[in-house]
PDB file of N, CA and C in Angstrom:
ATOM      1  N   UNK A   1       1.133  -1.423  -0.092  1.00  0.00           N
ATOM      2  CA  UNK A   1       0.197   0.027   0.001  1.00  0.00           C
ATOM      3  C   UNK A   1       0.774   1.236  -0.092  1.00  0.00           C
ATOM      4  N   UNK A   2       0.433   2.049  -0.890  1.00  0.00           N
ATOM      5  CA  UNK A   2       1.560   3.390  -1.187  1.00  0.00           C
ATOM      6  C   UNK A   2       0.503   4.565  -0.358  1.00  0.00           C
ATOM      7  N   UNK A   3       1.448   5.127   0.386  1.00  0.00           N
ATOM      8  CA  UNK A   3       0.843   6.145   1.403  1.00  0.00           C
ATOM      9  C   UNK A   3       1.749   7.680   0.830  1.00  0.00           C
ATOM     10  N   UNK A   4       0.920   8.814   0.584  1.00  0.00           N
ATOM     11  CA  UNK A   4       1.445   9.986   0.571  1.00  0.00           C
ATOM     12  C   UNK A   4       1.458  10.733   1.630  1.00  0.00           C
ATOM     13  N   UNK A   5       2.671  11.315   2.367  1.00  0.00           N
ATOM     14  CA  UNK A   5       2.495  12.070   3.455  1.00  0.00           C
ATOM     15  C   UNK A   5       2.600  13.436   2.536  1.00  0.00           C
ATOM     16  N   UNK A   6       2.454  14.654   4.209  1.00  0.00           N
ATOM     17  CA  UNK A   6       2.947  15.637   3.151  1.00  0.00           C
ATOM     18  C   UNK A   6       3.122  16.702   4.621  1.00  0.00           C
ATOM     19  N   UNK A   7       4.430  17.481   4.324  1.00  0.00           N
ATOM     20  CA  UNK A   7       4.925  18.289   5.440  1.00  0.00           C
ATOM     21  C   UNK A   7       4.639  19.065   5.889  1.00  0.00           C
ATOM     22  N   UNK A   8       4.306  18.946   7.854  1.00  0.00           N
ATOM     23  CA  UNK A   8       3.665  19.921   8.486  1.00  0.00           C
ATOM     24  C   UNK A   8       4.711  20.648   9.285  1.00  0.00           C
ATOM     25  N   UNK A   9       4.680  22.121   9.072  1.00  0.00           N
ATOM     26  CA  UNK A   9       4.850  22.735  10.431  1.00  0.00           C
ATOM     27  C   UNK A   9       4.173  23.481  11.140  1.00  0.00           C
ATOM     28  N   UNK A  10       3.161  22.778  11.537  1.00  0.00           N
ATOM     29  CA  UNK A  10       2.734  23.651  12.631  1.00  0.00           C
ATOM     30  C   UNK A  10       3.108  24.180  13.930  1.00  0.00           C
ATOM     31  N   UNK A  11       4.575  23.188  14.326  1.00  0.00           N
ATOM     32  CA  UNK A  11       4.711  23.205  15.216  1.00  0.00           C
ATOM     33  C   UNK A  11       4.382  22.720  16.740  1.00  0.00           C
ATOM     34  N   UNK A  12       3.716  21.988  16.571  1.00  0.00           N
ATOM     35  CA  UNK A  12       2.914  21.142  17.532  1.00  0.00           C
ATOM     36  C   UNK A  12       3.906  20.196  18.253  1.00  0.00           C
ATOM     37  N   UNK A  13       4.266  20.187  19.913  1.00  0.00           N
ATOM     38  CA  UNK A  13       4.805  19.798  20.683  1.00  0.00           C
ATOM     39  C   UNK A  13       4.253  18.188  20.428  1.00  0.00           C
ATOM     40  N   UNK A  14       4.955  16.817  20.569  1.00  0.00           N
ATOM     41  CA  UNK A  14       6.459  16.847  20.676  1.00  0.00           C
ATOM     42  C   UNK A  14       6.967  16.820  19.091  1.00  0.00           C
ATOM     43  N   UNK A  15       5.883  16.847  18.523  1.00  0.00           N
ATOM     44  CA  UNK A  15       6.753  16.192  16.801  1.00  0.00           C
ATOM     45  C   UNK A  15       6.635  17.887  16.015  1.00  0.00           C
ATOM     46  N   UNK A  16       7.386  18.494  16.669  1.00  0.00           N
ATOM     47  CA  UNK A  16       7.243  20.072  15.783  1.00  0.00           C
ATOM     48  C   UNK A  16       7.663  20.034  13.956  1.00  0.00           C
ATOM     49  N   UNK A  17       8.230  18.809  13.679  1.00  0.00           N
ATOM     50  CA  UNK A  17       8.630  18.950  12.100  1.00  0.00           C
ATOM     51  C   UNK A  17       8.221  17.294  11.999  1.00  0.00           C
ATOM     52  N   UNK A  18       7.566  17.193  11.155  1.00  0.00           N
ATOM     53  CA  UNK A  18       6.465  15.801  10.803  1.00  0.00           C
ATOM     54  C   UNK A  18       5.840  16.217   9.313  1.00  0.00           C
ATOM     55  N   UNK A  19       5.483  15.054   9.176  1.00  0.00           N
ATOM     56  CA  UNK A  19       4.855  14.694   7.721  1.00  0.00           C
ATOM     57  C   UNK A  19       3.738  13.310   8.535  1.00  0.00           C
ATOM     58  N   UNK A  20       1.944  14.415   8.157  1.00  0.00           N
ATOM     59  CA  UNK A  20       1.061  13.118   7.965  1.00  0.00           C
ATOM     60  C   UNK A  20      -0.137  13.106   6.647  1.00  0.00           C
ATOM     61  N   UNK A  21      -0.841  12.131   6.945  1.00  0.00           N
ATOM     62  CA  UNK A  21      -1.530  11.588   5.823  1.00  0.00           C
ATOM     63  C   UNK A  21      -3.084  12.341   6.165  1.00  0.00           C
ATOM     64  N   UNK A  22      -3.591  12.814   4.916  1.00  0.00           N
ATOM     65  CA  UNK A  22      -4.808  13.230   5.087  1.00  0.00           C
ATOM     66  C   UNK A  22      -4.786  14.272   4.609  1.00  0.00           C
ATOM     67  N   UNK A  23      -6.246  15.041   5.372  1.00  0.00           N
ATOM     68  CA  UNK A  23      -6.198  16.751   5.377  1.00  0.00           C
ATOM     69  C   UNK A  23      -5.552  17.695   6.169  1.00  0.00           C
ATOM     70  N   UNK A  24      -5.751  17.188   7.075  1.00  0.00           N
ATOM     71  CA  UNK A  24      -5.811  17.956   8.538  1.00  0.00           C
ATOM     72  C   UNK A  24      -4.846  17.116   9.477  1.00  0.00           C
ATOM     73  N   UNK A  25      -3.546  18.207   9.651  1.00  0.00           N
ATOM     74  CA  UNK A  25      -2.445  17.570  10.479  1.00  0.00           C
ATOM     75  C   UNK A  25      -3.120  16.831  12.167  1.00  0.00           C
ATOM     76  N   UNK A  26      -2.687  15.436  12.526  1.00  0.00           N
ATOM     77  CA  UNK A  26      -3.423  14.952  13.660  1.00  0.00           C
ATOM     78  C   UNK A  26      -3.542  15.184  14.807  1.00  0.00           C
ATOM     79  N   UNK A  27      -2.120  16.192  15.318  1.00  0.00           N
ATOM     80  CA  UNK A  27      -1.346  16.680  16.018  1.00  0.00           C
ATOM     81  C   UNK A  27      -2.153  17.976  16.389  1.00  0.00           C
ATOM     82  N   UNK A  28      -2.928  18.563  15.456  1.00  0.00           N
ATOM     83  CA  UNK A  28      -3.051  20.604  15.641  1.00  0.00           C
ATOM     84  C   UNK A  28      -4.768  20.611  15.245  1.00  0.00           C
ATOM     85  N   UNK A  29      -4.679  19.424  13.887  1.00  0.00           N
ATOM     86  CA  UNK A  29      -6.085  20.109  13.051  1.00  0.00           C
ATOM     87  C   UNK A  29      -5.871  21.169  11.885  1.00  0.00           C
ATOM     88  N   UNK A  30      -4.182  21.663  11.822  1.00  0.00           N
ATOM     89  CA  UNK A  30      -3.654  22.312  10.856  1.00  0.00           C
ATOM     90  C   UNK A  30      -4.029  21.732   9.039  1.00  0.00           C
ATOM     91  N   UNK A  31      -4.267  22.450   8.544  1.00  0.00           N
ATOM     92  CA  UNK A  31      -3.887  21.771   7.099  1.00  0.00           C
ATOM     93  C   UNK A  31      -2.510  22.553   6.643  1.00  0.00           C
ATOM     94  N   UNK A  32      -1.713  21.660   6.248  1.00  0.00           N
ATOM     95  CA  UNK A  32      -0.314  22.101   5.674  1.00  0.00           C
ATOM     96  C   UNK A  32      -0.765  22.944   4.615  1.00  0.00           C
ATOM     97  N   UNK A  33       0.220  23.923   4.171  1.00  0.00           N
ATOM     98  CA  UNK A  33       0.227  24.598   2.626  1.00  0.00           C
ATOM     99  C   UNK A  33       0.117  23.638   1.279  1.00  0.00           C
ATOM    100  N   UNK A  34      -0.354  23.615   0.602  1.00  0.00           N
ATOM    101  CA  UNK A  34      -0.571  22.313  -0.497  1.00  0.00           C
ATOM    102  C   UNK A  34      -0.777  21.652  -0.569  1.00  0.00           C
ATOM    103  N   UNK A  35      -1.738  20.963   0.886  1.00  0.00           N
ATOM    104  CA  UNK A  35      -2.248  19.499   0.980  1.00  0.00           C
ATOM    105  C   UNK A  35      -3.631  19.386  -0.058  1.00  0.00           C
ATOM    106  N   UNK A  36      -4.389  20.369  -0.277  1.00  0.00           N
ATOM    107  CA  UNK A  36      -5.604  20.303  -1.010  1.00  0.00           C
ATOM    108  C   UNK A  36      -4.814  19.788  -2.442  1.00  0.00           C
ATOM    109  N   UNK A  37      -3.750  20.602  -2.777  1.00  0.00           N
ATOM    110  CA  UNK A  37      -3.260  20.177  -4.375  1.00  0.00           C
ATOM    111  C   UNK A  37      -2.835  18.933  -4.217  1.00  0.00           C
ATOM    112  N   UNK A  38      -2.070  18.561  -3.100  1.00  0.00           N
ATOM    113  CA  UNK A  38      -1.470  17.047  -2.843  1.00  0.00           C
ATOM    114  C   UNK A  38      -2.610  15.950  -2.935  1.00  0.00           C
ATOM    115  N   UNK A  39      -3.649  16.108  -2.474  1.00  0.00           N
ATOM    116  CA  UNK A  39      -5.243  15.360  -2.597  1.00  0.00           C
ATOM    117  C   UNK A  39      -5.515  15.201  -3.435  1.00  0.00           C
ATOM    118  N   UNK A  40      -5.555  16.294  -4.431  1.00  0.00           N
ATOM    119  CA  UNK A  40      -6.419  16.233  -5.536  1.00  0.00           C
ATOM    120  C   UNK A  40      -5.467  15.722  -6.560  1.00  0.00           C
ATOM    121  N   UNK A  41      -4.144  15.965  -6.777  1.00  0.00           N
ATOM    122  CA  UNK A  41      -3.610  15.226  -7.672  1.00  0.00           C
ATOM    123  C   UNK A  41      -2.762  13.569  -7.386  1.00  0.00           C
ATOM    124  N   UNK A  42      -2.838  13.447  -6.288  1.00  0.00           N
ATOM    125  CA  UNK A  42      -3.115  11.733  -5.789  1.00  0.00           C
ATOM    126  C   UNK A  42      -4.513  11.204  -6.397  1.00  0.00           C
ATOM    127  N   UNK A  43      -6.003  11.780  -6.273  1.00  0.00           N
ATOM    128  CA  UNK A  43      -6.870  11.123  -6.598  1.00  0.00           C
ATOM    129  C   UNK A  43      -6.764  11.081  -8.270  1.00  0.00           C
ATOM    130  N   UNK A  44      -6.090  12.153  -8.857  1.00  0.00           N
ATOM    131  CA  UNK A  44      -5.895  11.480 -10.333  1.00  0.00           C
ATOM    132  C   UNK A  44      -5.120  10.705 -10.915  1.00  0.00           C
ATOM    133  N   UNK A  45      -3.342  10.428  -9.658  1.00  0.00           N
ATOM    134  CA  UNK A  45      -2.717   9.350 -10.267  1.00  0.00           C
ATOM    135  C   UNK A  45      -3.335   8.073  -9.787  1.00  0.00           C
ATOM    136  N   UNK A  46      -4.364   8.212  -8.627  1.00  0.00           N
ATOM    137  CA  UNK A  46      -4.727   6.459  -8.340  1.00  0.00           C
ATOM    138  C   UNK A  46      -6.033   6.239  -9.592  1.00  0.00           C
ATOM    139  N   UNK A  47      -6.663   7.632  -9.971  1.00  0.00           N
ATOM    140  CA  UNK A  47      -7.574   7.356 -11.063  1.00  0.00           C
ATOM    141  C   UNK A  47      -7.039   6.623 -12.041  1.00  0.00           C
ATOM    142  N   UNK A  48      -6.115   7.072 -12.444  1.00  0.00           N
ATOM    143  CA  UNK A  48      -5.384   6.105 -13.557  1.00  0.00           C
ATOM    144  C   UNK A  48      -5.003   5.226 -13.679  1.00  0.00           C
ATOM    145  N   UNK A  49      -4.378   4.545 -12.415  1.00  0.00           N
ATOM    146  CA  UNK A  49      -4.258   3.349 -12.347  1.00  0.00           C
ATOM    147  C   UNK A  49      -2.705   2.925 -12.314  1.00  0.00           C
ATOM    148  N   UNK A  50      -2.020   4.270 -12.644  1.00  0.00           N
ATOM    149  CA  UNK A  50      -0.592   4.382 -12.693  1.00  0.00           C
ATOM    150  C   UNK A  50      -0.114   4.726 -11.101  1.00  0.00           C
ATOM    151  N   UNK A  51       1.195   3.887 -10.917  1.00  0.00           N
ATOM    152  CA  UNK A  51       1.932   3.871  -9.731  1.00  0.00           C
ATOM    153  C   UNK A  51       2.108   5.437  -9.228  1.00  0.00           C
ATOM    154  N   UNK A  52       2.060   5.545  -7.501  1.00  0.00           N
ATOM    155  CA  UNK A  52       2.247   7.043  -6.930  1.00  0.00           C
ATOM    156  C   UNK A  52       3.383   7.325  -6.706  1.00  0.00           C
ATOM    157  N   UNK A  53       4.337   8.220  -8.044  1.00  0.00           N
ATOM    158  CA  UNK A  53       5.633   9.088  -7.390  1.00  0.00           C
ATOM    159  C   UNK A  53       6.100  10.251  -7.624  1.00  0.00           C
ATOM    160  N   UNK A  54       6.619  11.100  -7.168  1.00  0.00           N
ATOM    161  CA  UNK A  54       6.575  12.330  -7.384  1.00  0.00           C
ATOM    162  C   UNK A  54       6.647  12.963  -8.965  1.00  0.00           C
ATOM    163  N   UNK A  55       7.121  12.144  -9.623  1.00  0.00           N
ATOM    164  CA  UNK A  55       6.998  12.350 -11.319  1.00  0.00           C
ATOM    165  C   UNK A  55       5.343  11.999 -11.691  1.00  0.00           C
ATOM    166  N   UNK A  56       4.433  11.016 -11.300  1.00  0.00           N
ATOM    167  CA  UNK A  56       3.199  10.576 -11.675  1.00  0.00           C
ATOM    168  C   UNK A  56       2.323  12.077 -11.075  1.00  0.00           C
ATOM    169  N   UNK A  57       2.877  12.378  -9.703  1.00  0.00           N
ATOM    170  CA  UNK A  57       2.099  13.504  -8.978  1.00  0.00           C
ATOM    171  C   UNK A  57       2.269  15.001  -9.827  1.00  0.00           C
ATOM    172  N   UNK A  58       3.519  15.054 -10.558  1.00  0.00           N
ATOM    173  CA  UNK A  58       3.838  16.256 -11.011  1.00  0.00           C
ATOM    174  C   UNK A  58       2.923  16.355 -12.440  1.00  0.00           C
ATOM    175  N   UNK A  59       2.869  15.198 -13.140  1.00  0.00           N
ATOM    176  CA  UNK A  59       2.500  15.054 -14.062  1.00  0.00           C
ATOM    177  C   UNK A  59       1.192  15.358 -14.147  1.00  0.00           C
ATOM    178  N   UNK A  60       0.600  14.993 -12.960  1.00  0.00           N
ATOM    179  CA  UNK A  60      -0.942  15.044 -13.088  1.00  0.00           C
ATOM    180  C   UNK A  60      -1.322  16.577 -12.600  1.00  0.00           C
ATOM    181  N   UNK A  61      -0.556  17.531 -12.245  1.00  0.00           N
ATOM    182  CA  UNK A  61      -0.700  18.786 -12.046  1.00  0.00           C
ATOM    183  C   UNK A  61       0.159  19.450 -11.259  1.00  0.00           C
ATOM    184  N   UNK A  62       0.330  18.505  -9.952  1.00  0.00           N
ATOM    185  CA  UNK A  62       1.289  19.037  -8.832  1.00  0.00           C
ATOM    186  C   UNK A  62       2.418  19.905  -9.174  1.00  0.00           C
ATOM    187  N   UNK A  63       2.713  21.096  -8.301  1.00  0.00           N
ATOM    188  CA  UNK A  63       3.482  22.007  -8.741  1.00  0.00           C
ATOM    189  C   UNK A  63       4.637  21.360  -7.947  1.00  0.00           C
ATOM    190  N   UNK A  64       5.855  21.657  -8.466  1.00  0.00           N
ATOM    191  CA  UNK A  64       7.341  21.710  -7.992  1.00  0.00           C
ATOM    192  C   UNK A  64       7.579  21.851  -6.981  1.00  0.00           C
ATOM    193  N   UNK A  65       6.399  23.487  -6.279  1.00  0.00           N
ATOM    194  CA  UNK A  65       6.999  23.508  -4.916  1.00  0.00           C
ATOM    195  C   UNK A  65       5.712  22.565  -3.956  1.00  0.00           C
ATOM    196  N   UNK A  66       5.001  22.525  -4.492  1.00  0.00           N
ATOM    197  CA  UNK A  66       4.347  21.556  -3.526  1.00  0.00           C
ATOM    198  C   UNK A  66       4.713  19.880  -3.384  1.00  0.00           C
ATOM    199  N   UNK A  67       5.188  19.180  -4.486  1.00  0.00           N
ATOM    200  CA  UNK A  67       5.893  18.122  -4.744  1.00  0.00           C
ATOM    201  C   UNK A  67       7.217  17.948  -3.045  1.00  0.00           C
ATOM    202  N   UNK A  68       7.871  19.268  -2.914  1.00  0.00           N
ATOM    203  CA  UNK A  68       8.895  19.118  -2.222  1.00  0.00           C
ATOM    204  C   UNK A  68       8.399  18.969  -0.815  1.00  0.00           C
ATOM    205  N   UNK A  69       6.987  19.140  -0.633  1.00  0.00           N
ATOM    206  CA  UNK A  69       6.550  18.870   0.533  1.00  0.00           C
ATOM    207  C   UNK A  69       6.042  17.158   0.810  1.00  0.00           C
ATOM    208  N   UNK A  70       6.109  17.059  -0.127  1.00  0.00           N
ATOM    209  CA  UNK A  70       5.762  15.476  -0.244  1.00  0.00           C
ATOM    210  C   UNK A  70       6.432  14.281  -0.016  1.00  0.00           C
ATOM    211  N   UNK A  71       6.119  13.422   1.023  1.00  0.00           N
ATOM    212  CA  UNK A  71       6.905  12.166   1.083  1.00  0.00           C
ATOM    213  C   UNK A  71       5.811  10.770   0.581  1.00  0.00           C
ATOM    214  N   UNK A  72       6.324   9.469  -0.079  1.00  0.00           N
ATOM    215  CA  UNK A  72       5.759   8.672  -0.576  1.00  0.00           C
ATOM    216  C   UNK A  72       6.060   6.976  -0.201  1.00  0.00           C
ATOM    217  N   UNK A  73       5.299   6.495   0.926  1.00  0.00           N
ATOM    218  CA  UNK A  73       6.011   5.508   1.372  1.00  0.00           C
ATOM    219  C   UNK A  73       5.279   4.380   1.305  1.00  0.00           C
ATOM    220  N   UNK A  74       5.571   3.149   1.464  1.00  0.00           N
ATOM    221  CA  UNK A  74       4.719   1.912   1.007  1.00  0.00           C
ATOM    222  C   UNK A  74       5.162   0.953   2.294  1.00  0.00           C
ATOM    223  N   UNK A  75       3.609   0.837   2.426  1.00  0.00           N
ATOM    224  CA  UNK A  75       3.479  -0.133   3.935  1.00  0.00           C
ATOM    225  C   UNK A  75       2.743  -2.013   3.438  1.00  0.00           C
ATOM    226  N   UNK A  76       3.076  -2.630   4.309  1.00  0.00           N
ATOM    227  CA  UNK A  76       2.280  -3.955   3.412  1.00  0.00           C
ATOM    228  C   UNK A  76       0.829  -3.962   4.515  1.00  0.00           C
ATOM    229  N   UNK A  77       0.185  -3.068   4.925  1.00  0.00           N
ATOM    230  CA  UNK A  77      -0.942  -2.981   5.211  1.00  0.00           C
ATOM    231  C   UNK A  77      -1.659  -1.546   5.790  1.00  0.00           C
ATOM    232  N   UNK A  78      -2.932  -1.662   5.689  1.00  0.00           N
ATOM    233  CA  UNK A  78      -3.775  -0.341   5.834  1.00  0.00           C
ATOM    234  C   UNK A  78      -3.270  -0.061   7.361  1.00  0.00           C
ATOM    235  N   UNK A  79      -3.443  -1.200   8.312  1.00  0.00           N
ATOM    236  CA  UNK A  79      -3.210  -1.296   9.308  1.00  0.00           C
ATOM    237  C   UNK A  79      -2.072  -0.517  10.323  1.00  0.00           C
ATOM    238  N   UNK A  80      -0.986  -0.936   8.906  1.00  0.00           N
ATOM    239  CA  UNK A  80       0.462  -0.293   9.659  1.00  0.00           C
ATOM    240  C   UNK A  80       0.966   1.101   9.243  1.00  0.00           C
ATOM    241  N   UNK A  81      -0.143   1.793   8.723  1.00  0.00           N
ATOM    242  CA  UNK A  81       0.680   3.004   8.467  1.00  0.00           C
ATOM    243  C   UNK A  81       0.065   4.108   9.152  1.00  0.00           C
ATOM    244  N   UNK A  82       1.252   4.440  10.359  1.00  0.00           N
ATOM    245  CA  UNK A  82       0.866   5.766  11.024  1.00  0.00           C
ATOM    246  C   UNK A  82       0.134   7.030  10.157  1.00  0.00           C
ATOM    247  N   UNK A  83      -0.903   7.383  11.617  1.00  0.00           N
ATOM    248  CA  UNK A  83      -1.039   9.161  11.014  1.00  0.00           C
ATOM    249  C   UNK A  83       0.002  10.109  10.498  1.00  0.00           C
ATOM    250  N   UNK A  84       1.183   9.905  10.775  1.00  0.00           N
ATOM    251  CA  UNK A  84       2.070  10.890  11.053  1.00  0.00           C
ATOM    252  C   UNK A  84       3.402  10.218  11.540  1.00  0.00           C
ATOM    253  N   UNK A  85       4.192  11.049  10.377  1.00  0.00           N
ATOM    254  CA  UNK A  85       5.860  10.987  10.802  1.00  0.00           C
ATOM    255  C   UNK A  85       6.891  11.565  11.048  1.00  0.00           C
ATOM    256  N   UNK A  86       7.653  11.694  12.180  1.00  0.00           N
ATOM    257  CA  UNK A  86       8.478  13.128  12.051  1.00  0.00           C
ATOM    258  C   UNK A  86       9.457  12.897  13.010  1.00  0.00           C
ATOM    259  N   UNK A  87       9.962  13.748  13.304  1.00  0.00           N
ATOM    260  CA  UNK A  87      11.291  13.975  14.434  1.00  0.00           C
ATOM    261  C   UNK A  87      10.948  13.545  15.469  1.00  0.00           C
ATOM    262  N   UNK A  88      11.321  12.529  16.453  1.00  0.00           N
ATOM    263  CA  UNK A  88      11.126  11.852  17.789  1.00  0.00           C
ATOM    264  C   UNK A  88      10.185  11.232  17.520  1.00  0.00           C
ATOM    265  N   UNK A  89       9.530  10.660  16.473  1.00  0.00           N
ATOM    266  CA  UNK A  89       8.103  10.209  16.263  1.00  0.00           C
ATOM    267  C   UNK A  89       8.728   8.403  16.730  1.00  0.00           C
ATOM    268  N   UNK A  90       9.930   8.047  16.461  1.00  0.00           N
ATOM    269  CA  UNK A  90      10.863   6.766  17.010  1.00  0.00           C
ATOM    270  C   UNK A  90      11.219   6.857  18.024  1.00  0.00           C
ATOM    271  N   UNK A  91      11.190   7.901  19.151  1.00  0.00           N
ATOM    272  CA  UNK A  91      12.117   7.600  20.348  1.00  0.00           C
ATOM    273  C   UNK A  91      13.386   8.565  20.257  1.00  0.00           C
ATOM    274  N   UNK A  92      13.768   8.952  19.408  1.00  0.00           N
ATOM    275  CA  UNK A  92      15.172   9.282  19.093  1.00  0.00           C
ATOM    276  C   UNK A  92      15.391  11.234  19.599  1.00  0.00           C
ATOM    277  N   UNK A  93      16.735  11.093  20.071  1.00  0.00           N
ATOM    278  CA  UNK A  93      16.205  13.040  20.386  1.00  0.00           C
ATOM    279  C   UNK A  93      16.511  13.683  19.281  1.00  0.00           C
ATOM    280  N   UNK A  94      15.365  14.693  19.307  1.00  0.00           N
ATOM    281  CA  UNK A  94      15.371  15.317  18.020  1.00  0.00           C
ATOM    282  C   UNK A  94      16.652  16.348  17.825  1.00  0.00           C
ATOM    283  N   UNK A  95      17.528  16.480  18.413  1.00  0.00           N
ATOM    284  CA  UNK A  95      19.018  17.196  18.222  1.00  0.00           C
ATOM    285  C   UNK A  95      20.013  16.330  17.583  1.00  0.00           C
ATOM    286  N   UNK A  96      19.441  14.907  17.946  1.00  0.00           N
ATOM    287  CA  UNK A  96      20.469  13.891  17.266  1.00  0.00           C
ATOM    288  C   UNK A  96      20.296  13.806  15.173  1.00  0.00           C
ATOM    289  N   UNK A  97      18.774  14.754  14.831  1.00  0.00           N
ATOM    290  CA  UNK A  97      18.598  14.521  13.916  1.00  0.00           C
ATOM    291  C   UNK A  97      19.390  14.924  12.572  1.00  0.00           C
ATOM    292  N   UNK A  98      20.263  14.843  11.522  1.00  0.00           N
ATOM    293  CA  UNK A  98      20.377  15.001  10.594  1.00  0.00           C
ATOM    294  C   UNK A  98      19.755  15.850   9.662  1.00  0.00           C
ATOM    295  N   UNK A  99      19.804  16.820   9.397  1.00  0.00           N
ATOM    296  CA  UNK A  99      18.865  17.524   8.319  1.00  0.00           C
ATOM    297  C   UNK A  99      19.509  17.581   6.786  1.00  0.00           C
ATOM    298  N   UNK A 100      19.206  17.051   6.004  1.00  0.00           N
ATOM    299  CA  UNK A 100      19.876  17.273   4.392  1.00  0.00           C
ATOM    300  C   UNK A 100      19.229  18.427   3.916  1.00  0.00           C
ATOM    301  N   UNK A 101      19.859  19.026   3.461  1.00  0.00           N
ATOM    302  CA  UNK A 101      19.903  20.586   2.313  1.00  0.00           C
ATOM    303  C   UNK A 101      19.953  20.098   1.308  1.00  0.00           C
ATOM    304  N   UNK A 102      19.824  20.872   0.381  1.00  0.00           N
ATOM    305  CA  UNK A 102      19.806  21.100  -0.966  1.00  0.00           C
ATOM    306  C   UNK A 102      20.822  20.627  -1.748  1.00  0.00           C
ATOM    307  N   UNK A 103      22.244  21.372  -0.546  1.00  0.00           N
ATOM    308  CA  UNK A 103      23.139  20.979  -1.334  1.00  0.00           C
ATOM    309  C   UNK A 103      24.473  19.910  -0.444  1.00  0.00           C
ATOM    310  N   UNK A 104      23.495  19.237   0.090  1.00  0.00           N
ATOM    311  CA  UNK A 104      24.290  18.022   0.781  1.00  0.00           C
ATOM    312  C   UNK A 104      24.269  16.878   0.163  1.00  0.00           C
ATOM    313  N   UNK A 105      25.280  16.090   0.207  1.00  0.00           N
ATOM    314  CA  UNK A 105      25.821  14.919  -0.759  1.00  0.00           C
ATOM    315  C   UNK A 105      25.745  13.789   0.019  1.00  0.00           C
ATOM    316  N   UNK A 106      25.438  12.567   0.046  1.00  0.00           N
ATOM    317  CA  UNK A 106      25.093  11.086   0.802  1.00  0.00           C
ATOM    318  C   UNK A 106      26.557  11.173   0.818  1.00  0.00           C
ATOM    319  N   UNK A 107      27.017  10.004   1.828  1.00  0.00           N
ATOM    320  CA  UNK A 107      28.292   9.916   2.197  1.00  0.00           C
ATOM    321  C   UNK A 107      28.190   8.305   1.385  1.00  0.00           C
ATOM    322  N   UNK A 108      29.635   7.605   1.384  1.00  0.00           N
ATOM    323  CA  UNK A 108      29.359   6.483   0.927  1.00  0.00           C
ATOM    324  C   UNK A 108      28.855   5.232   1.386  1.00  0.00           C
ATOM    325  N   UNK A 109      27.764   5.569   2.516  1.00  0.00           N
ATOM    326  CA  UNK A 109      27.221   4.411   2.394  1.00  0.00           C
ATOM    327  C   UNK A 109      25.615   4.429   2.461  1.00  0.00           C
ATOM    328  N   UNK A 110      25.678   5.692   1.184  1.00  0.00           N
ATOM    329  CA  UNK A 110      23.917   5.563   0.908  1.00  0.00           C
ATOM    330  C   UNK A 110      24.161   4.678  -0.204  1.00  0.00           C
ATOM    331  N   UNK A 111      22.556   4.076  -0.477  1.00  0.00           N
ATOM    332  CA  UNK A 111      22.466   3.086  -1.275  1.00  0.00           C
ATOM    333  C   UNK A 111      21.564   3.875  -2.599  1.00  0.00           C
TER     334      UNK A 111
END
């Protein structure tokens, strides 16, 4: 099962930086910028029967600005899909997270 998550910056503790599924943030109820456009593009792609990818979403009319706020993940079953994923959601110290910028190159261990 392929799920589209949208970046949220509602700053709701403890997950101040996170992605969520659906229209509203499960922590604050906030609607992230571009979420409506993302959900419309997802419906268009799913309706066509082709795989959900960033490329198929942009081909379906999603802007690059909105696509930069999207994460696509696969799960074996709908029951395994979290409502949100974010810094600290796996128990790690948020200060230990390395944020990759546009100029960051992956190290030799990256696949």
